[in-house]
């Protein structure tokens, strides 16, 4: 019997837990799911003979380390800042680690020790990052194998609401960690376009979003995502004139979010007392006092009409009501997160949608070609989401490959090599996660 330990039973864990439990009888696995919320774990593991729920305060070092010592493989779906606790414990206990999160500087410093211990820490093994790396590298290697010379690479991905459930002015609902939604783009973005390195501040990201056409979906807005340049080396495309990774949203969302940034409501640095503060007073703090109503003053500050879509969006979130916030000491981002979680939550029958698209321009036999490779995945409801499916299944498949001794790779890695992406992408197709291609 092989033991798998999963940290985190939140929104993204559903499909992963389902996959592990479905494979457990045949593979002879036992899965321990650790989270602070015992009832949440039980709602996802049910009464399975192959699962053990473990209520855990992740900061309890002794309890966490004991769980890691008693397992064969660790998967972490914790918030990104907590992975380092698990990574250090896995190193000490000599256990392999899988996670969907980005490689950060703290874990990068452990790289020599991970290699020396002969362990595999596979990071960025979810959707974005994850499926994006694997599908992109499969295309890149295929083009290069046929003698193609790539000169432009753009990759887009977004967790969106399905058109069937798109019924609010934001054209958005929460299908993953709301904190990550509120903080998305906060560090700005760096990418390369036509030979020039472009840097955008957070304030610029949502200000002039561009759009692309996605087959079967229509026009979507995009904004550059984090530091794209770091992946040029990982993809072995250092010489490219254009290289960008970007996030997709419906256009209305970007317009509304830009207004929130201008109002200073995404700030996470300064705490404020909210127990006697109304939402109107909070949201209009940066707005110069005028002669009109708070709504009119806010519209004037943002340069829009009171009847505009942006004002409708802000009212939908509750920014212009006189209710007292009453959340104790919070940052603006903390208050906004509370509103996003409550006002933009998915209802039980709501369906989300994942859209991913790669746009690669290359030359072969003196002929310039632009290729689009795209994936659209629809969720089933607010628990069995497309987000949970596309984040969780790559981790589950990778776990199976490791426990079947099909992986010889060691060190701190992301999934850019054929021995990983070929079998994972192949099995993902069994779950209707597949790419269509078009050329022009």
Protein backbone atom coordinates (compact mmCIF):
# COMPACT_ATOMS: atom_id res chain seq x y z
CA UNK A 1 0.00 0.00 0.00
CA UNK A 2 1.37 3.41 -1.02
CA UNK A 3 0.36 6.48 0.97
CA UNK A 4 -0.41 9.88 -0.56
CA UNK A 5 -0.71 13.01 1.58
CA UNK A 6 -2.69 15.96 0.22
CA UNK A 7 -2.51 19.34 1.97
CA UNK A 8 -5.59 21.46 1.22
CA UNK A 9 -9.21 20.51 0.50
CA UNK A 10 -10.35 23.82 -1.00
CA UNK A 11 -11.98 24.72 -4.32
CA UNK A 12 -9.21 23.27 -6.49
CA UNK A 13 -8.97 19.92 -4.66
CA UNK A 14 -12.27 18.30 -5.73
CA UNK A 15 -11.21 16.62 -8.99
CA UNK A 16 -7.81 15.64 -7.60
CA UNK A 17 -9.40 13.85 -4.63
CA UNK A 18 -11.92 12.15 -6.97
CA UNK A 19 -9.08 10.98 -9.23
CA UNK A 20 -6.93 9.65 -6.39
CA UNK A 21 -9.85 7.78 -4.80
CA UNK A 22 -10.97 6.33 -8.15
CA UNK A 23 -7.45 4.97 -8.73
CA UNK A 24 -6.82 3.89 -5.12
CA UNK A 25 -8.28 0.32 -5.24
CA UNK A 26 -6.38 -0.69 -8.38
CA UNK A 27 -3.15 1.13 -7.51
CA UNK A 28 -3.26 0.12 -3.83
CA UNK A 29 -3.15 3.67 -2.51
CA UNK A 30 -4.34 5.27 0.69
CA UNK A 31 -4.96 9.04 0.68
CA UNK A 32 -4.73 11.32 3.71
CA UNK A 33 -6.32 14.75 3.17
CA UNK A 34 -5.17 17.42 5.63
CA UNK A 35 -6.99 20.73 6.06
CA UNK A 36 -8.09 22.95 8.95
CA UNK A 37 -11.75 22.30 8.02
CA UNK A 38 -12.66 18.68 8.83
CA UNK A 39 -16.20 18.95 7.45
CA UNK A 40 -14.83 20.28 4.14
CA UNK A 41 -12.50 17.27 3.83
CA UNK A 42 -15.33 14.84 4.59
CA UNK A 43 -17.58 16.50 2.01
CA UNK A 44 -14.96 15.61 -0.62
CA UNK A 45 -13.77 12.18 0.56
CA UNK A 46 -17.20 10.87 1.60
CA UNK A 47 -17.02 7.53 3.38
CA UNK A 48 -14.24 6.13 1.19
CA UNK A 49 -12.29 3.25 2.70
CA UNK A 50 -9.22 4.64 0.93
CA UNK A 51 -9.26 8.10 2.53
CA UNK A 52 -8.38 9.47 5.96
CA UNK A 53 -9.40 13.04 6.85
CA UNK A 54 -6.89 14.87 9.03
CA UNK A 55 -7.84 18.13 10.76
CA UNK A 56 -4.62 20.15 10.81
CA UNK A 57 -3.37 23.59 11.73
CA UNK A 58 -0.69 23.90 9.05
CA UNK A 59 1.49 25.94 11.45
CA UNK A 60 1.58 22.97 13.89
CA UNK A 61 5.09 21.82 13.00
CA UNK A 62 5.04 18.52 14.90
CA UNK A 63 1.69 17.38 13.46
CA UNK A 64 2.60 18.45 9.93
CA UNK A 65 6.00 16.75 10.04
CA UNK A 66 4.51 13.53 11.40
CA UNK A 67 2.02 13.36 8.52
CA UNK A 68 4.85 13.88 6.02
CA UNK A 69 7.08 11.22 7.63
CA UNK A 70 4.22 8.69 7.40
CA UNK A 71 3.59 9.10 3.65
CA UNK A 72 5.21 8.16 0.34
CA UNK A 73 4.29 11.24 -1.70
CA UNK A 74 3.13 14.76 -0.80
CA UNK A 75 0.81 17.01 -2.86
CA UNK A 76 0.28 20.59 -1.71
CA UNK A 77 -2.72 22.74 -2.68
CA UNK A 78 -2.08 25.19 0.16
CA UNK A 79 -1.92 28.96 -0.38
CA UNK A 80 1.39 29.73 -2.13
CA UNK A 81 3.07 31.33 0.91
CA UNK A 82 2.70 28.10 2.94
CA UNK A 83 4.36 25.71 0.46
CA UNK A 84 7.80 26.45 1.87
CA UNK A 85 6.84 24.85 5.22
CA UNK A 86 5.88 21.65 3.41
CA UNK A 87 8.89 21.79 1.06
CA UNK A 88 11.38 22.00 3.93
CA UNK A 89 9.67 19.11 5.73
CA UNK A 90 9.66 16.99 2.55
CA UNK A 91 13.37 17.63 2.16
CA UNK A 92 14.06 16.60 5.78
CA UNK A 93 11.88 13.47 5.49
CA UNK A 94 13.10 12.66 1.94
CA UNK A 95 9.67 12.75 0.28
CA UNK A 96 8.79 13.82 -3.28
CA UNK A 97 6.53 16.89 -3.57
CA UNK A 98 3.98 18.00 -6.18
CA UNK A 99 2.22 21.36 -6.33
CA UNK A 100 0.35 23.56 -8.81
CA UNK A 101 2.01 26.75 -7.55
CA UNK A 102 4.80 28.82 -9.07
CA UNK A 103 8.42 28.20 -8.10
CA UNK A 104 9.31 31.02 -5.71
CA UNK A 105 12.65 32.31 -4.49
CA UNK A 106 12.45 30.46 -1.15
CA UNK A 107 12.11 27.02 -2.70
CA UNK A 108 14.66 27.89 -5.40
CA UNK A 109 17.24 28.27 -2.62
CA UNK A 110 16.59 24.63 -1.67
CA UNK A 111 17.39 23.44 -5.21
CA UNK A 112 20.93 22.12 -4.51
CA UNK A 113 19.67 20.15 -1.47
CA UNK A 114 16.71 18.71 -3.42
CA UNK A 115 19.09 17.49 -6.14
CA UNK A 116 21.59 16.12 -3.63
CA UNK A 117 18.80 14.16 -1.89
CA UNK A 118 17.69 12.68 -5.25
CA UNK A 119 14.14 13.97 -4.73
CA UNK A 120 11.64 15.33 -7.25
CA UNK A 121 9.87 18.57 -6.38
CA UNK A 122 7.55 19.14 -9.35
CA UNK A 123 6.13 22.65 -9.16
CA UNK A 124 3.74 24.41 -11.62
CA UNK A 125 1.88 21.14 -12.27
CA UNK A 126 -1.68 22.50 -12.45
CA UNK A 127 -3.50 24.51 -15.09
CA UNK A 128 -1.68 27.84 -15.41
CA UNK A 129 1.04 27.16 -14.56
CA UNK A 130 0.97 23.52 -15.68
CA UNK A 131 -1.12 22.50 -18.66
CA UNK A 132 0.09 25.71 -20.35
CA UNK A 133 3.74 24.58 -20.04
CA UNK A 134 3.04 21.04 -21.20
CA UNK A 135 0.87 21.93 -24.20
CA UNK A 136 3.20 24.78 -25.24
CA UNK A 137 6.32 22.60 -25.07
CA UNK A 138 4.65 19.85 -27.08
CA UNK A 139 3.90 22.40 -29.85
CA UNK A 140 7.34 24.02 -29.66
CA UNK A 141 9.19 20.70 -29.85
CA UNK A 142 6.94 19.54 -32.72
CA UNK A 143 7.58 22.72 -34.76
CA UNK A 144 11.33 22.58 -34.12
CA UNK A 145 11.50 18.87 -35.01
CA UNK A 146 10.02 19.67 -38.42
CA UNK A 147 12.61 22.39 -39.02
CA UNK A 148 10.41 25.35 -38.12
CA UNK A 149 11.94 28.58 -36.80
CA UNK A 150 9.73 30.19 -34.11
CA UNK A 151 9.78 33.99 -33.85
CA UNK A 152 6.70 34.81 -31.76
CA UNK A 153 5.05 33.01 -28.83
CA UNK A 154 1.96 34.18 -26.96
CA UNK A 155 0.04 32.10 -24.44
CA UNK A 156 -3.32 33.03 -22.86
CA UNK A 157 -5.35 31.39 -20.11
CA UNK A 158 -8.35 32.37 -18.03
CA UNK A 159 -10.74 30.93 -15.48
CA UNK A 160 -14.08 32.38 -16.63
CA UNK A 161 -17.77 31.90 -16.08
CA UNK A 162 -19.54 29.81 -18.73
CA UNK A 163 -21.81 31.82 -21.07
CA UNK A 164 -24.77 29.84 -19.60
CA UNK A 165 -24.09 31.29 -16.12
CA UNK A 166 -22.85 34.73 -17.15
CA UNK A 167 -25.56 36.80 -15.45
CA UNK A 168 -23.90 39.69 -13.59
CA UNK A 169 -22.37 42.98 -14.80
CA UNK A 170 -18.83 41.77 -13.94
CA UNK A 171 -19.15 38.74 -16.26
CA UNK A 172 -17.20 36.87 -13.58
CA UNK A 173 -17.73 34.45 -10.70
CA UNK A 174 -15.27 32.97 -8.20
CA UNK A 175 -14.15 29.44 -9.10
CA UNK A 176 -10.86 29.46 -7.15
CA UNK A 177 -9.16 31.23 -4.24
CA UNK A 178 -10.74 34.71 -3.97
CA UNK A 179 -7.57 36.11 -2.38
CA UNK A 180 -5.66 35.24 -5.56
CA UNK A 181 -8.30 37.00 -7.67
CA UNK A 182 -8.00 40.20 -5.63
CA UNK A 183 -4.18 40.14 -5.72
CA UNK A 184 -3.84 39.11 -9.40
CA UNK A 185 -1.44 41.35 -11.29
CA UNK A 186 -0.34 43.25 -8.16
CA UNK A 187 3.37 42.94 -9.07
CA UNK A 188 2.83 44.19 -12.63
CA UNK A 189 4.10 42.35 -15.69
CA UNK A 190 7.17 42.00 -17.91
CA UNK A 191 7.15 40.59 -21.44
CA UNK A 192 8.84 41.00 -24.80
CA UNK A 193 7.23 42.43 -27.93
CA UNK A 194 8.93 42.97 -31.29
CA UNK A 195 12.39 42.84 -29.74
CA UNK A 196 11.64 45.24 -26.88
CA UNK A 197 11.18 44.36 -23.22
CA UNK A 198 7.92 45.88 -21.94
CA UNK A 199 7.24 46.50 -18.26
CA UNK A 200 3.79 47.37 -16.99
CA UNK A 201 2.92 48.52 -13.47
CA UNK A 202 -0.17 47.17 -11.73
CA UNK A 203 -1.92 50.49 -12.43
CA UNK A 204 -1.30 50.06 -16.17
CA UNK A 205 -2.27 46.38 -16.48
CA UNK A 206 -6.05 46.80 -16.68
CA UNK A 207 -6.00 50.27 -18.21
CA UNK A 208 -5.52 49.39 -21.86
CA UNK A 209 -6.36 45.72 -22.19
CA UNK A 210 -6.33 44.27 -25.69
CA UNK A 211 -8.59 41.56 -27.06
CA UNK A 212 -8.29 38.28 -28.97
CA UNK A 213 -10.86 36.11 -30.74
CA UNK A 214 -11.35 32.60 -29.36
CA UNK A 215 -13.20 30.13 -31.62
CA UNK A 216 -16.64 29.33 -30.24
CA UNK A 217 -16.33 31.98 -27.49
CA UNK A 218 -15.78 35.30 -29.26
CA UNK A 219 -13.83 38.31 -28.03
CA UNK A 220 -11.90 38.07 -24.76
CA UNK A 221 -9.66 40.66 -23.11
CA UNK A 222 -6.14 39.83 -21.95
CA UNK A 223 -3.47 41.37 -19.77
CA UNK A 224 0.18 40.21 -19.48
CA UNK A 225 0.82 37.83 -16.59
CA UNK A 226 3.72 38.25 -14.12
CA UNK A 227 7.26 37.91 -15.54
CA UNK A 228 7.04 36.19 -18.91
CA UNK A 229 10.77 36.56 -19.57
CA UNK A 230 11.71 33.92 -16.97
CA UNK A 231 10.04 31.28 -19.13
CA UNK A 232 12.01 32.09 -22.29
CA UNK A 233 14.91 30.08 -20.88
CA UNK A 234 12.65 27.27 -19.62
CA UNK A 235 11.10 26.98 -23.10
CA UNK A 236 14.54 27.41 -24.76
CA UNK A 237 13.23 30.39 -26.75
CA UNK A 238 15.70 33.02 -25.50
CA UNK A 239 16.17 34.61 -28.95
CA UNK A 240 12.49 35.32 -29.65
CA UNK A 241 11.43 38.87 -30.56
CA UNK A 242 7.97 38.38 -28.99
CA UNK A 243 7.20 36.29 -25.90
CA UNK A 244 4.20 36.85 -23.64
CA UNK A 245 2.07 34.91 -21.17
CA UNK A 246 -1.28 36.53 -20.43
CA UNK A 247 -4.50 36.16 -18.42
CA UNK A 248 -7.91 36.10 -20.12
CA UNK A 249 -11.08 37.79 -18.89
CA UNK A 250 -14.32 39.03 -20.44
CA UNK A 251 -13.70 42.68 -21.44
CA UNK A 252 -16.20 44.10 -18.90
CA UNK A 253 -14.25 42.60 -16.00
CA UNK A 254 -11.05 44.44 -16.89
CA UNK A 255 -12.89 47.76 -17.16
CA UNK A 256 -14.47 47.30 -13.73
CA UNK A 257 -11.25 46.10 -12.08
CA UNK A 258 -9.41 49.12 -13.44
CA UNK A 259 -11.93 51.31 -11.59
CA UNK A 260 -11.27 49.42 -8.33
CA UNK A 261 -7.52 50.04 -8.74
CA UNK A 262 -8.09 53.75 -9.40
CA UNK A 263 -10.20 53.95 -6.22
CA UNK A 264 -7.34 52.33 -4.25
CA UNK A 265 -9.54 49.42 -3.15
CA UNK A 266 -7.04 46.68 -4.02
CA UNK A 267 -4.36 48.06 -1.66
CA UNK A 268 -3.10 45.43 0.77
CA UNK A 269 -0.51 47.43 2.68
CA UNK A 270 -2.43 49.58 5.16
CA UNK A 271 -4.97 48.38 7.70
CA UNK A 272 -8.12 50.35 8.45
CA UNK A 273 -10.77 50.09 11.17
CA UNK A 274 -14.02 48.96 9.53
CA UNK A 275 -16.37 48.49 12.50
CA UNK A 276 -18.00 51.92 12.09
CA UNK A 277 -17.19 52.47 8.43
CA UNK A 278 -19.86 52.21 5.75
CA UNK A 279 -19.13 50.73 2.33
CA UNK A 280 -19.87 54.11 0.72
CA UNK A 281 -17.41 55.95 3.00
CA UNK A 282 -14.79 53.24 2.42
CA UNK A 283 -15.10 53.16 -1.36
CA UNK A 284 -15.11 56.95 -1.80
CA UNK A 285 -12.10 57.74 0.44
CA UNK A 286 -9.96 58.66 -2.60
CA UNK A 287 -12.76 60.57 -4.30
CA UNK A 288 -12.62 64.34 -4.02
CA UNK A 289 -15.66 65.72 -2.29
CA UNK A 290 -17.98 67.30 -4.81
CA UNK A 291 -21.41 68.83 -4.77
CA UNK A 292 -23.15 65.66 -5.93
CA UNK A 293 -24.13 62.38 -4.33
CA UNK A 294 -21.38 59.81 -3.53
CA UNK A 295 -22.39 57.99 -6.73
CA UNK A 296 -22.09 61.17 -8.83
CA UNK A 297 -18.77 62.11 -7.23
CA UNK A 298 -17.39 58.61 -7.84
CA UNK A 299 -18.54 58.66 -11.48
CA UNK A 300 -16.89 62.05 -11.99
CA UNK A 301 -13.65 60.81 -10.35
CA UNK A 302 -13.58 57.79 -12.69
CA UNK A 303 -14.55 59.83 -15.75
CA UNK A 304 -17.72 57.86 -16.45
CA UNK A 305 -21.47 58.49 -16.42
CA UNK A 306 -23.62 57.49 -13.41
CA UNK A 307 -25.49 55.24 -15.85
CA UNK A 308 -22.28 53.56 -17.05
CA UNK A 309 -21.53 49.86 -16.87
CA UNK A 310 -18.66 50.59 -14.42
CA UNK A 311 -20.98 52.26 -11.88
CA UNK A 312 -23.42 49.35 -12.29
CA UNK A 313 -20.55 46.96 -11.49
CA UNK A 314 -19.46 48.91 -8.40
CA UNK A 315 -23.05 49.08 -7.11
CA UNK A 316 -23.43 45.34 -7.74
CA UNK A 317 -20.46 44.71 -5.41
CA UNK A 318 -22.14 46.88 -2.78
CA UNK A 319 -19.63 49.73 -2.84
CA UNK A 320 -22.31 52.42 -2.70
CA UNK A 321 -24.55 51.13 0.08
CA UNK A 322 -24.70 52.56 3.59
CA UNK A 323 -24.26 49.25 5.43
CA UNK A 324 -21.44 49.19 8.02
CA UNK A 325 -18.55 46.92 6.98
CA UNK A 326 -17.93 45.57 10.50
CA UNK A 327 -14.93 43.32 9.67
CA UNK A 328 -12.55 44.63 12.33
CA UNK A 329 -9.10 45.73 11.16
CA UNK A 330 -8.70 45.00 7.46
CA UNK A 331 -6.78 46.20 4.44
CA UNK A 332 -8.75 47.52 1.49
CA UNK A 333 -7.91 44.27 -0.35
CA UNK A 334 -9.34 42.29 2.60
CA UNK A 335 -12.65 44.16 2.43
CA UNK A 336 -12.74 43.75 -1.35
CA UNK A 337 -12.05 40.02 -1.01
CA UNK A 338 -15.05 39.72 1.34
CA UNK A 339 -17.27 41.46 -1.24
CA UNK A 340 -15.95 39.40 -4.16
CA UNK A 341 -16.49 36.13 -2.26
CA UNK A 342 -20.07 37.07 -1.42
CA UNK A 343 -21.29 39.04 -4.42
CA UNK A 344 -19.52 37.06 -7.16
CA UNK A 345 -19.91 33.57 -5.72
CA UNK A 346 -20.96 30.67 -7.90
CA UNK A 347 -24.46 29.38 -7.20
CA UNK A 348 -24.91 25.56 -7.01
CA UNK A 349 -25.97 25.17 -10.66
CA UNK A 350 -23.45 27.68 -12.06
CA UNK A 351 -20.81 26.44 -14.48
CA UNK A 352 -17.34 27.85 -14.95
CA UNK A 353 -15.15 27.63 -18.03
CA UNK A 354 -11.41 27.41 -18.68
CA UNK A 355 -10.05 28.88 -21.91
CA UNK A 356 -6.40 28.43 -22.90
CA UNK A 357 -4.86 29.46 -26.21
CA UNK A 358 -1.33 29.48 -27.64
CA UNK A 359 -0.50 31.67 -30.64
CA UNK A 360 2.81 30.73 -32.27
CA UNK A 361 4.29 32.36 -35.35
CA UNK A 362 7.02 30.42 -37.12
CA UNK A 363 8.73 30.01 -40.46
CA UNK A 364 9.32 26.72 -42.24
CA UNK A 365 10.67 26.29 -45.78
CA UNK A 366 10.47 30.09 -46.22
CA UNK A 367 6.78 30.07 -45.43
CA UNK A 368 5.44 32.13 -42.48
CA UNK A 369 2.71 30.41 -40.49
CA UNK A 370 0.59 31.49 -37.53
CA UNK A 371 -0.75 28.63 -35.43
CA UNK A 372 -3.52 28.74 -32.83
CA UNK A 373 -3.91 25.89 -30.36
CA UNK A 374 -6.83 26.25 -27.98
CA UNK A 375 -8.59 24.36 -25.19
CA UNK A 376 -12.05 25.05 -23.76
CA UNK A 377 -13.23 23.11 -20.69
CA UNK A 378 -16.69 23.53 -19.16
CA UNK A 379 -17.47 22.82 -15.49
CA UNK A 380 -20.44 20.78 -14.26
CA UNK A 381 -21.55 22.84 -11.22
CA UNK A 382 -20.05 24.98 -8.45
CA UNK A 383 -18.19 22.01 -6.88
CA UNK A 384 -17.13 20.02 -9.95
CA UNK A 385 -15.62 23.01 -11.70
CA UNK A 386 -13.49 23.22 -14.82
CA UNK A 387 -10.92 24.97 -12.61
CA UNK A 388 -10.75 22.05 -10.14
CA UNK A 389 -10.56 19.59 -13.04
CA UNK A 390 -7.73 21.33 -14.89
CA UNK A 391 -5.71 22.12 -11.74
CA UNK A 392 -6.22 18.74 -10.03
CA UNK A 393 -5.99 16.13 -12.78
CA UNK A 394 -2.40 16.92 -13.90
CA UNK A 395 -1.31 16.54 -10.25
CA UNK A 396 -3.17 13.23 -9.93
CA UNK A 397 -1.70 11.82 -13.15
CA UNK A 398 1.79 12.92 -12.10
CA UNK A 399 1.33 11.27 -8.69
CA UNK A 400 0.37 8.02 -10.40
CA UNK A 401 3.42 8.13 -12.68
CA UNK A 402 5.74 8.66 -9.69
CA UNK A 403 4.19 5.90 -7.58
CA UNK A 404 4.38 3.51 -10.56
CA UNK A 405 8.13 4.30 -10.82
CA UNK A 406 7.68 5.72 -14.32
CA UNK A 407 9.57 8.92 -13.50
CA UNK A 408 13.35 9.01 -13.09
CA UNK A 409 13.58 12.80 -13.02
CA UNK A 410 14.94 14.49 -9.86
CA UNK A 411 15.50 18.05 -8.67
CA UNK A 412 13.29 21.14 -8.64
CA UNK A 413 11.37 21.00 -11.92
CA UNK A 414 8.45 22.32 -13.96
CA UNK A 415 6.73 20.03 -16.54
CA UNK A 416 8.49 21.03 -19.78
CA UNK A 417 10.05 17.68 -20.75
CA UNK A 418 8.53 15.08 -23.14
CA UNK A 419 8.68 12.24 -20.61
CA UNK A 420 6.25 14.26 -18.47
CA UNK A 421 4.05 16.18 -20.91
CA UNK A 422 3.38 13.34 -23.38
CA UNK A 423 1.78 10.86 -20.93
CA UNK A 424 0.03 13.58 -18.89
CA UNK A 425 -1.54 15.30 -21.92
CA UNK A 426 -2.53 11.92 -23.35
CA UNK A 427 -4.40 10.91 -20.18
CA UNK A 428 -5.99 14.37 -19.86
CA UNK A 429 -7.73 13.72 -23.20
CA UNK A 430 -9.64 10.89 -21.50
CA UNK A 431 -11.25 13.64 -19.38
CA UNK A 432 -12.09 15.86 -22.40
CA UNK A 433 -9.17 18.18 -21.74
CA UNK A 434 -7.76 18.52 -25.24
CA UNK A 435 -6.50 21.10 -27.71
CA UNK A 436 -7.78 22.02 -31.18
CA UNK A 437 -5.41 23.55 -33.72
CA UNK A 438 -5.82 25.97 -36.60
CA UNK A 439 -3.29 27.48 -39.03
CA UNK A 440 -3.22 30.65 -41.10
